[in-house]
Structure formats: C-alpha cells, structure tokens
C-alpha cells in the first residue's frame, strides 16, 4: 500500500517535518515517491573507475553513501563535503573504509596540490569548478560526474514559485558543461542526457524532498507554504501522484596527457 493514501494532511506533515534530512540517502521515500534512474548506471561506472585508480577524490560526497557502496577503493581516497551534518555522517561512514573526509566550502580553490589525483568523481554537484578539477587531475586523469540537468522537477518548483524565466529553466544545461570543461582544457570522453519520470504519492514525500533538496524552493518551510501544500495534498488524494520530469546528464572528461 502507498504510505500516505489514508492519512490526514496534518499527520503527513508532522511526520515529514520530524524526520532527519542529513546525508544523501532517500530511502525514507520508499513507497512514497519513485524516481526513474538513468540508463547508464552511475554507481557501476564509478565503481569501475575507482577500481582502476591509484588516487581519487569524490567532490561533494554528501553523507558518503554513494562512495561507500563502491566495491573497491584506491589506496588514496579522499572525499569533500561542506554541509556540517553531512560531514559528520560521511566521516562516520567512510573513515572505517580508509577514506579521508575533508570539510570544504565547495568553492575554489580545492584544498589539494596540483596533479594530486588520477580520478575525480562527483554525483549531483551543486556546481562544477572546472579550472580546479583540471588543476588537481594528473595528466591523463579522468573526471566522472552525474549531474542534475536543466528544469529538473520544475513542475514542483513552479507549483510553489510560479513560472520561472527561461534563463532559470536553462541552467545546468549539458551543452554549457561541455563548453566550460573544454575551456578548462579538458577533453570530452562521454556526454549523455536523459529525461526521466518522478512521482510523489503523498504530501509528506513532497515536504521531505523540499526540506532535503534545499535549492529547489529556497527557504522552503511548511509554515510558509502551508495553504499551497494543503491544496496539493487534496490534488494528490483526488487525482493520484504528482508527476514531475527529472533531467540528468553523465559527463566524463580527460585531462590531456
């Protein structure tokens, strides 16, 4: 049974407001929301690259969940994260695996020497600092990243914020990532882009998602959007899941030898 079908608005709100949102584990949404996964399988690709690396860096690791699932880690493995709750969670999860977790501001410069790593990875970075990625990569080194594409889940964003201008909807376009990576002197190895389907089955799932992915509706609180949330709750109860389109792109680049 879908979690929120027979529960009241107030019950769902109270539960979603109480659950912790640290880390990057979305398992609380099981049975409450679904997200179609990209066909390329980032976790598998990341694991394959890590198995062949000698020194690797995972940027914006979140709570370390994705990195911790890799079957093999290189001799030197470092992860960065900026949000204090995630730093604590990543440290607890990754230190036993031999990973050094570095608290970082997610702004340049990266706190590492030139040519420190033969592999840099990042899943869903807020922003890719291409000159810094190029600087810390060794010649011949790879950067592998799965990123959120343009206008991702904007059906939900615009439900709360209203229609967004075209320049906002176009942000994070893979063509711009290609241009900026090449401007930093990196060579494109692979670039793939997909439109995917996301469904929210109850209003608790919406609240949890917006509390966790804080840049979707900046400053989101239940108190601020309570009336709009209640309207959406009624809509889901009557019409079924709230459907949104997610966009993702995979980008792999190489620093010339």
C-alpha atoms as a PDB file:
ATOM      1  CA  UNK A   1       0.000   0.000   0.000  1.00  0.00           C
ATOM      2  CA  UNK A   2       1.225   3.523  -0.779  1.00  0.00           C
ATOM      3  CA  UNK A   3       2.231   5.142   2.500  1.00  0.00           C
ATOM      4  CA  UNK A   4       0.059   8.261   2.590  1.00  0.00           C
ATOM      5  CA  UNK A   5      -3.229   7.200   0.986  1.00  0.00           C
ATOM      6  CA  UNK A   6      -5.476   7.076   4.081  1.00  0.00           C
ATOM      7  CA  UNK A   7      -3.663   9.521   6.340  1.00  0.00           C
ATOM      8  CA  UNK A   8      -4.640  13.086   7.082  1.00  0.00           C
ATOM      9  CA  UNK A   9      -2.783  16.153   5.908  1.00  0.00           C
ATOM     10  CA  UNK A  10      -1.712  17.046   9.457  1.00  0.00           C
ATOM     11  CA  UNK A  11      -0.414  13.523  10.113  1.00  0.00           C
ATOM     12  CA  UNK A  12       1.657  13.510   6.943  1.00  0.00           C
ATOM     13  CA  UNK A  13       3.027  16.990   7.609  1.00  0.00           C
ATOM     14  CA  UNK A  14       4.032  16.165  11.177  1.00  0.00           C
ATOM     15  CA  UNK A  15       5.850  13.016  10.102  1.00  0.00           C
ATOM     16  CA  UNK A  16       7.686  14.693   7.223  1.00  0.00           C
ATOM     17  CA  UNK A  17       8.779  17.627   9.372  1.00  0.00           C
ATOM     18  CA  UNK A  18      10.142  15.345  12.105  1.00  0.00           C
ATOM     19  CA  UNK A  19      12.318  13.031  10.005  1.00  0.00           C
ATOM     20  CA  UNK A  20      16.050  13.970   9.793  1.00  0.00           C
ATOM     21  CA  UNK A  21      17.274  15.121   6.364  1.00  0.00           C
ATOM     22  CA  UNK A  22      21.041  14.836   6.807  1.00  0.00           C
ATOM     23  CA  UNK A  23      23.014  12.683   4.390  1.00  0.00           C
ATOM     24  CA  UNK A  24      22.040  11.809   0.837  1.00  0.00           C
ATOM     25  CA  UNK A  25      20.023   8.671   1.490  1.00  0.00           C
ATOM     26  CA  UNK A  26      16.471   8.931   0.148  1.00  0.00           C
ATOM     27  CA  UNK A  27      15.237   5.567   1.446  1.00  0.00           C
ATOM     28  CA  UNK A  28      12.606   7.326   3.599  1.00  0.00           C
ATOM     29  CA  UNK A  29      10.759   7.943   0.329  1.00  0.00           C
ATOM     30  CA  UNK A  30      10.356   4.213  -0.395  1.00  0.00           C
ATOM     31  CA  UNK A  31       6.656   3.686  -1.050  1.00  0.00           C
ATOM     32  CA  UNK A  32       6.079   7.451  -1.078  1.00  0.00           C
ATOM     33  CA  UNK A  33       7.837   8.523  -4.265  1.00  0.00           C
ATOM     34  CA  UNK A  34       9.569   6.986  -7.272  1.00  0.00           C
ATOM     35  CA  UNK A  35      12.348   8.333  -9.465  1.00  0.00           C
ATOM     36  CA  UNK A  36      13.282   6.751 -12.758  1.00  0.00           C
ATOM     37  CA  UNK A  37      17.011   6.052 -12.862  1.00  0.00           C
ATOM     38  CA  UNK A  38      19.278   6.981 -15.791  1.00  0.00           C
ATOM     39  CA  UNK A  39      20.146   4.104 -18.087  1.00  0.00           C
ATOM     40  CA  UNK A  40      23.931   4.423 -17.734  1.00  0.00           C
ATOM     41  CA  UNK A  41      24.193   3.314 -14.082  1.00  0.00           C
ATOM     42  CA  UNK A  42      26.443   5.887 -12.407  1.00  0.00           C
ATOM     43  CA  UNK A  43      27.174   3.673  -9.382  1.00  0.00           C
ATOM     44  CA  UNK A  44      28.513   0.903 -11.622  1.00  0.00           C
ATOM     45  CA  UNK A  45      30.598   3.296 -13.747  1.00  0.00           C
ATOM     46  CA  UNK A  46      32.022   4.967 -10.664  1.00  0.00           C
ATOM     47  CA  UNK A  47      32.964   1.596  -9.179  1.00  0.00           C
ATOM     48  CA  UNK A  48      34.747   0.580 -12.376  1.00  0.00           C
ATOM     49  CA  UNK A  49      36.782   3.800 -12.469  1.00  0.00           C
ATOM     50  CA  UNK A  50      37.674   3.591  -8.775  1.00  0.00           C
ATOM     51  CA  UNK A  51      38.902   0.014  -9.183  1.00  0.00           C
ATOM     52  CA  UNK A  52      41.484   1.247 -11.719  1.00  0.00           C
ATOM     53  CA  UNK A  53      42.583   4.388  -9.854  1.00  0.00           C
ATOM     54  CA  UNK A  54      45.526   4.871  -7.509  1.00  0.00           C
ATOM     55  CA  UNK A  55      44.441   8.218  -6.004  1.00  0.00           C
ATOM     56  CA  UNK A  56      40.860   9.501  -6.232  1.00  0.00           C
ATOM     57  CA  UNK A  57      38.766  12.418  -4.996  1.00  0.00           C
ATOM     58  CA  UNK A  58      34.975  12.421  -4.553  1.00  0.00           C
ATOM     59  CA  UNK A  59      33.714  16.033  -4.508  1.00  0.00           C
ATOM     60  CA  UNK A  60      30.539  16.939  -2.593  1.00  0.00           C
ATOM     61  CA  UNK A  61      30.163  13.406  -1.291  1.00  0.00           C
ATOM     62  CA  UNK A  62      27.027  14.160   0.736  1.00  0.00           C
ATOM     63  CA  UNK A  63      26.745  11.592   3.507  1.00  0.00           C
ATOM     64  CA  UNK A  64      29.191   9.324   1.673  1.00  0.00           C
ATOM     65  CA  UNK A  65      26.532   6.748   0.775  1.00  0.00           C
ATOM     66  CA  UNK A  66      27.375   6.523  -2.936  1.00  0.00           C
ATOM     67  CA  UNK A  67      31.131   6.280  -2.390  1.00  0.00           C
ATOM     68  CA  UNK A  68      30.749   3.734   0.412  1.00  0.00           C
ATOM     69  CA  UNK A  69      28.903   1.396  -1.952  1.00  0.00           C
ATOM     70  CA  UNK A  70      31.891   1.111  -4.322  1.00  0.00           C
ATOM     71  CA  UNK A  71      33.242  -2.470  -4.347  1.00  0.00           C
ATOM     72  CA  UNK A  72      36.894  -1.356  -4.433  1.00  0.00           C
ATOM     73  CA  UNK A  73      38.567   1.861  -3.351  1.00  0.00           C
ATOM     74  CA  UNK A  74      42.033   3.065  -4.395  1.00  0.00           C
ATOM     75  CA  UNK A  75      44.957   3.262  -1.989  1.00  0.00           C
ATOM     76  CA  UNK A  76      44.465   7.021  -1.650  1.00  0.00           C
ATOM     77  CA  UNK A  77      40.778   8.013  -1.397  1.00  0.00           C
ATOM     78  CA  UNK A  78      39.595  11.465  -0.335  1.00  0.00           C
ATOM     79  CA  UNK A  79      36.101  12.962  -0.160  1.00  0.00           C
ATOM     80  CA  UNK A  80      34.989  16.566   0.355  1.00  0.00           C
ATOM     81  CA  UNK A  81      31.729  17.899   1.784  1.00  0.00           C
ATOM     82  CA  UNK A  82      30.564  21.301   3.011  1.00  0.00           C
ATOM     83  CA  UNK A  83      27.341  20.801   4.986  1.00  0.00           C
ATOM     84  CA  UNK A  84      28.263  20.004   8.632  1.00  0.00           C
ATOM     85  CA  UNK A  85      25.607  17.274   9.198  1.00  0.00           C
ATOM     86  CA  UNK A  86      26.808  15.533   6.038  1.00  0.00           C
ATOM     87  CA  UNK A  87      30.465  15.924   7.031  1.00  0.00           C
ATOM     88  CA  UNK A  88      29.727  14.120  10.286  1.00  0.00           C
ATOM     89  CA  UNK A  89      27.735  11.381   8.581  1.00  0.00           C
ATOM     90  CA  UNK A  90      30.309  10.890   5.809  1.00  0.00           C
ATOM     91  CA  UNK A  91      33.134  10.726   8.359  1.00  0.00           C
ATOM     92  CA  UNK A  92      31.314   8.043  10.348  1.00  0.00           C
ATOM     93  CA  UNK A  93      30.559   6.012   7.223  1.00  0.00           C
ATOM     94  CA  UNK A  94      33.778   6.440   5.234  1.00  0.00           C
ATOM     95  CA  UNK A  95      36.583   6.539   7.800  1.00  0.00           C
ATOM     96  CA  UNK A  96      36.290   2.796   8.516  1.00  0.00           C
ATOM     97  CA  UNK A  97      36.825   2.249   4.774  1.00  0.00           C
ATOM     98  CA  UNK A  98      40.066   4.233   4.804  1.00  0.00           C
ATOM     99  CA  UNK A  99      38.614   7.353   3.189  1.00  0.00           C
ATOM    100  CA  UNK A 100      39.808  10.767   4.356  1.00  0.00           C
ATOM    101  CA  UNK A 101      36.857  13.188   4.616  1.00  0.00           C
ATOM    102  CA  UNK A 102      37.733  16.874   4.233  1.00  0.00           C
ATOM    103  CA  UNK A 103      35.345  19.649   5.280  1.00  0.00           C
ATOM    104  CA  UNK A 104      35.405  22.057   2.357  1.00  0.00           C
ATOM    105  CA  UNK A 105      33.461  25.187   1.399  1.00  0.00           C
ATOM    106  CA  UNK A 106      32.558  23.877  -2.086  1.00  0.00           C
ATOM    107  CA  UNK A 107      34.218  26.955  -3.542  1.00  0.00           C
ATOM    108  CA  UNK A 108      37.604  27.238  -5.238  1.00  0.00           C
ATOM    109  CA  UNK A 109      40.329  26.515  -4.582  1.00  0.00           C
ATOM    110  CA  UNK A 110      40.125  22.833  -3.760  1.00  0.00           C
ATOM    111  CA  UNK A 111      42.440  22.150  -0.763  1.00  0.00           C
ATOM    112  CA  UNK A 112      44.784  19.879  -2.722  1.00  0.00           C
ATOM    113  CA  UNK A 113      48.036  20.250  -4.638  1.00  0.00           C
ATOM    114  CA  UNK A 114      48.228  20.284  -8.435  1.00  0.00           C
ATOM    115  CA  UNK A 115      48.018  16.887 -10.130  1.00  0.00           C
ATOM    116  CA  UNK A 116      47.056  15.040  -6.929  1.00  0.00           C
ATOM    117  CA  UNK A 117      44.524  12.593  -8.384  1.00  0.00           C
ATOM    118  CA  UNK A 118      44.128  10.341 -11.391  1.00  0.00           C
ATOM    119  CA  UNK A 119      40.348  10.235 -10.831  1.00  0.00           C
ATOM    120  CA  UNK A 120      37.839  12.828  -9.626  1.00  0.00           C
ATOM    121  CA  UNK A 121      34.162  11.917  -9.210  1.00  0.00           C
ATOM    122  CA  UNK A 122      31.039  13.807  -8.207  1.00  0.00           C
ATOM    123  CA  UNK A 123      27.378  12.814  -8.140  1.00  0.00           C
ATOM    124  CA  UNK A 124      24.950  15.737  -8.362  1.00  0.00           C
ATOM    125  CA  UNK A 125      27.403  18.554  -7.580  1.00  0.00           C
ATOM    126  CA  UNK A 126      25.837  21.941  -6.889  1.00  0.00           C
ATOM    127  CA  UNK A 127      28.453  23.436  -9.204  1.00  0.00           C
ATOM    128  CA  UNK A 128      31.475  22.059 -11.023  1.00  0.00           C
ATOM    129  CA  UNK A 129      34.577  24.250 -10.695  1.00  0.00           C
ATOM    130  CA  UNK A 130      36.231  23.187 -13.946  1.00  0.00           C
ATOM    131  CA  UNK A 131      39.546  25.001 -13.573  1.00  0.00           C
ATOM    132  CA  UNK A 132      40.032  23.409 -10.163  1.00  0.00           C
ATOM    133  CA  UNK A 133      39.075  19.957 -11.429  1.00  0.00           C
ATOM    134  CA  UNK A 134      41.612  20.332 -14.223  1.00  0.00           C
ATOM    135  CA  UNK A 135      44.267  21.554 -11.763  1.00  0.00           C
ATOM    136  CA  UNK A 136      44.029  18.649  -9.309  1.00  0.00           C
ATOM    137  CA  UNK A 137      43.865  15.976 -12.034  1.00  0.00           C
ATOM    138  CA  UNK A 138      47.063  14.314 -13.170  1.00  0.00           C
ATOM    139  CA  UNK A 139      47.770  14.293 -16.919  1.00  0.00           C
ATOM    140  CA  UNK A 140      45.609  11.558 -18.398  1.00  0.00           C
ATOM    141  CA  UNK A 141      43.312  11.628 -15.359  1.00  0.00           C
ATOM    142  CA  UNK A 142      39.520  11.356 -15.556  1.00  0.00           C
ATOM    143  CA  UNK A 143      36.581  13.271 -14.106  1.00  0.00           C
ATOM    144  CA  UNK A 144      33.300  11.320 -13.942  1.00  0.00           C
ATOM    145  CA  UNK A 145      30.091  13.012 -12.856  1.00  0.00           C
ATOM    146  CA  UNK A 146      26.339  12.551 -12.926  1.00  0.00           C
ATOM    147  CA  UNK A 147      24.659  15.938 -12.748  1.00  0.00           C
ATOM    148  CA  UNK A 148      21.169  17.358 -12.445  1.00  0.00           C
ATOM    149  CA  UNK A 149      20.121  18.863 -15.755  1.00  0.00           C
ATOM    150  CA  UNK A 150      18.002  21.901 -16.659  1.00  0.00           C
ATOM    151  CA  UNK A 151      14.473  22.447 -15.285  1.00  0.00           C
ATOM    152  CA  UNK A 152      14.646  19.247 -13.235  1.00  0.00           C
ATOM    153  CA  UNK A 153      11.483  18.690 -11.151  1.00  0.00           C
ATOM    154  CA  UNK A 154      10.351  22.158 -12.237  1.00  0.00           C
ATOM    155  CA  UNK A 155       6.713  21.075 -12.201  1.00  0.00           C
ATOM    156  CA  UNK A 156       7.128  21.025  -8.406  1.00  0.00           C
ATOM    157  CA  UNK A 157       9.272  24.155  -8.277  1.00  0.00           C
ATOM    158  CA  UNK A 158       6.783  26.141 -10.331  1.00  0.00           C
ATOM    159  CA  UNK A 159       3.842  24.822  -8.311  1.00  0.00           C
ATOM    160  CA  UNK A 160       5.250  26.775  -5.362  1.00  0.00           C
ATOM    161  CA  UNK A 161       7.192  29.601  -7.032  1.00  0.00           C
ATOM    162  CA  UNK A 162       5.205  30.186 -10.214  1.00  0.00           C
ATOM    163  CA  UNK A 163       6.547  30.205 -13.792  1.00  0.00           C
ATOM    164  CA  UNK A 164      10.324  30.609 -13.948  1.00  0.00           C
ATOM    165  CA  UNK A 165      12.094  32.674 -16.639  1.00  0.00           C
ATOM    166  CA  UNK A 166      13.774  30.841 -19.480  1.00  0.00           C
ATOM    167  CA  UNK A 167      17.288  31.690 -18.259  1.00  0.00           C
ATOM    168  CA  UNK A 168      16.480  29.941 -14.954  1.00  0.00           C
ATOM    169  CA  UNK A 169      14.907  26.937 -16.662  1.00  0.00           C
ATOM    170  CA  UNK A 170      18.013  26.522 -18.853  1.00  0.00           C
ATOM    171  CA  UNK A 171      20.565  26.492 -16.023  1.00  0.00           C
ATOM    172  CA  UNK A 172      22.746  23.376 -15.727  1.00  0.00           C
ATOM    173  CA  UNK A 173      22.440  22.528 -19.403  1.00  0.00           C
ATOM    174  CA  UNK A 174      24.868  19.800 -20.572  1.00  0.00           C
ATOM    175  CA  UNK A 175      25.955  21.953 -23.516  1.00  0.00           C
ATOM    176  CA  UNK A 176      27.194  24.557 -21.041  1.00  0.00           C
ATOM    177  CA  UNK A 177      29.044  21.896 -19.058  1.00  0.00           C
ATOM    178  CA  UNK A 178      30.737  20.734 -22.256  1.00  0.00           C
ATOM    179  CA  UNK A 179      31.758  24.282 -23.135  1.00  0.00           C
ATOM    180  CA  UNK A 180      33.132  25.050 -19.665  1.00  0.00           C
ATOM    181  CA  UNK A 181      35.016  21.754 -19.381  1.00  0.00           C
ATOM    182  CA  UNK A 182      36.660  22.297 -22.755  1.00  0.00           C
ATOM    183  CA  UNK A 183      37.505  25.893 -21.805  1.00  0.00           C
ATOM    184  CA  UNK A 184      39.411  24.470 -18.808  1.00  0.00           C
ATOM    185  CA  UNK A 185      41.459  22.311 -21.193  1.00  0.00           C
ATOM    186  CA  UNK A 186      39.632  19.027 -20.615  1.00  0.00           C
ATOM    187  CA  UNK A 187      38.654  16.586 -23.359  1.00  0.00           C
ATOM    188  CA  UNK A 188      35.124  15.155 -23.532  1.00  0.00           C
ATOM    189  CA  UNK A 189      35.101  11.349 -23.296  1.00  0.00           C
ATOM    190  CA  UNK A 190      31.356  10.808 -22.832  1.00  0.00           C
ATOM    191  CA  UNK A 191      28.265  13.018 -22.533  1.00  0.00           C
ATOM    192  CA  UNK A 192      24.739  11.596 -22.200  1.00  0.00           C
ATOM    193  CA  UNK A 193      21.455  13.295 -21.302  1.00  0.00           C
ATOM    194  CA  UNK A 194      18.087  11.822 -20.306  1.00  0.00           C
ATOM    195  CA  UNK A 195      14.590  12.970 -19.326  1.00  0.00           C
ATOM    196  CA  UNK A 196      13.141  10.817 -16.541  1.00  0.00           C
ATOM    197  CA  UNK A 197       9.908  10.499 -14.567  1.00  0.00           C
ATOM    198  CA  UNK A 198       9.411  11.273 -10.869  1.00  0.00           C
ATOM    199  CA  UNK A 199       6.193  10.668  -8.903  1.00  0.00           C
ATOM    200  CA  UNK A 200       5.191  11.869  -5.419  1.00  0.00           C
ATOM    201  CA  UNK A 201       2.457   9.733  -3.838  1.00  0.00           C
ATOM    202  CA  UNK A 202       1.732  11.853  -0.760  1.00  0.00           C
ATOM    203  CA  UNK A 203       2.360  15.340   0.559  1.00  0.00           C
ATOM    204  CA  UNK A 204       4.818  14.019   3.143  1.00  0.00           C
ATOM    205  CA  UNK A 205       7.099  12.946   0.301  1.00  0.00           C
ATOM    206  CA  UNK A 206       6.925  16.447  -1.193  1.00  0.00           C
ATOM    207  CA  UNK A 207       7.789  18.083   2.131  1.00  0.00           C
ATOM    208  CA  UNK A 208      10.684  15.715   2.806  1.00  0.00           C
ATOM    209  CA  UNK A 209      12.086  16.257  -0.699  1.00  0.00           C
ATOM    210  CA  UNK A 210      11.936  20.053  -0.422  1.00  0.00           C
ATOM    211  CA  UNK A 211      13.488  20.004   3.061  1.00  0.00           C
ATOM    212  CA  UNK A 212      16.338  17.822   1.807  1.00  0.00           C
ATOM    213  CA  UNK A 213      16.986  19.334  -1.632  1.00  0.00           C
ATOM    214  CA  UNK A 214      17.069  22.867  -0.285  1.00  0.00           C
ATOM    215  CA  UNK A 215      17.857  24.677  -3.546  1.00  0.00           C
ATOM    216  CA  UNK A 216      14.631  23.600  -5.275  1.00  0.00           C
ATOM    217  CA  UNK A 217      12.408  26.040  -3.354  1.00  0.00           C
ATOM    218  CA  UNK A 218      14.882  28.249  -1.448  1.00  0.00           C
ATOM    219  CA  UNK A 219      13.829  28.948   2.119  1.00  0.00           C
ATOM    220  CA  UNK A 220      11.063  26.342   1.997  1.00  0.00           C
ATOM    221  CA  UNK A 221       9.128  25.810   5.222  1.00  0.00           C
ATOM    222  CA  UNK A 222       5.774  24.190   5.833  1.00  0.00           C
ATOM    223  CA  UNK A 223       4.562  27.323   7.609  1.00  0.00           C
ATOM    224  CA  UNK A 224       5.352  29.500   4.590  1.00  0.00           C
ATOM    225  CA  UNK A 225       3.632  27.220   2.072  1.00  0.00           C
ATOM    226  CA  UNK A 226       1.005  25.500   4.217  1.00  0.00           C
ATOM    227  CA  UNK A 227      -2.005  26.573   2.143  1.00  0.00           C
ATOM    228  CA  UNK A 228      -0.363  25.557  -1.111  1.00  0.00           C
ATOM    229  CA  UNK A 229       0.717  22.250   0.416  1.00  0.00           C
ATOM    230  CA  UNK A 230      -2.821  21.543   1.543  1.00  0.00           C
ATOM    231  CA  UNK A 231      -4.099  22.208  -1.977  1.00  0.00           C
ATOM    232  CA  UNK A 232      -1.519  19.787  -3.359  1.00  0.00           C
ATOM    233  CA  UNK A 233      -2.473  17.191  -0.750  1.00  0.00           C
ATOM    234  CA  UNK A 234      -6.090  17.393  -1.906  1.00  0.00           C
ATOM    235  CA  UNK A 235      -4.989  17.141  -5.542  1.00  0.00           C
ATOM    236  CA  UNK A 236      -2.934  14.001  -4.887  1.00  0.00           C
ATOM    237  CA  UNK A 237      -5.767  12.412  -2.887  1.00  0.00           C
ATOM    238  CA  UNK A 238      -8.203  13.066  -5.716  1.00  0.00           C
ATOM    239  CA  UNK A 239      -6.104  12.639  -8.881  1.00  0.00           C
ATOM    240  CA  UNK A 240      -3.206  10.401  -7.893  1.00  0.00           C
ATOM    241  CA  UNK A 241       0.564  11.004  -7.827  1.00  0.00           C
ATOM    242  CA  UNK A 242       2.067  14.385  -8.597  1.00  0.00           C
ATOM    243  CA  UNK A 243       4.256  13.773 -11.658  1.00  0.00           C
ATOM    244  CA  UNK A 244       7.397  15.740 -12.491  1.00  0.00           C
ATOM    245  CA  UNK A 245      10.164  15.412 -15.051  1.00  0.00           C
ATOM    246  CA  UNK A 246      13.705  14.885 -13.841  1.00  0.00           C
ATOM    247  CA  UNK A 247      16.717  15.570 -16.065  1.00  0.00           C
ATOM    248  CA  UNK A 248      20.159  14.033 -15.637  1.00  0.00           C
ATOM    249  CA  UNK A 249      23.368  14.015 -17.620  1.00  0.00           C
ATOM    250  CA  UNK A 250      26.509  11.926 -17.399  1.00  0.00           C
ATOM    251  CA  UNK A 251      29.802  13.614 -18.192  1.00  0.00           C
ATOM    252  CA  UNK A 252      33.242  12.044 -18.382  1.00  0.00           C
ATOM    253  CA  UNK A 253      36.262  14.137 -19.308  1.00  0.00           C
ATOM    254  CA  UNK A 254      40.015  13.557 -19.502  1.00  0.00           C
ATOM    255  CA  UNK A 255      42.933  15.840 -18.787  1.00  0.00           C
ATOM    256  CA  UNK A 256      45.285  15.615 -21.782  1.00  0.00           C
ATOM    257  CA  UNK A 257      48.480  13.667 -21.194  1.00  0.00           C
END
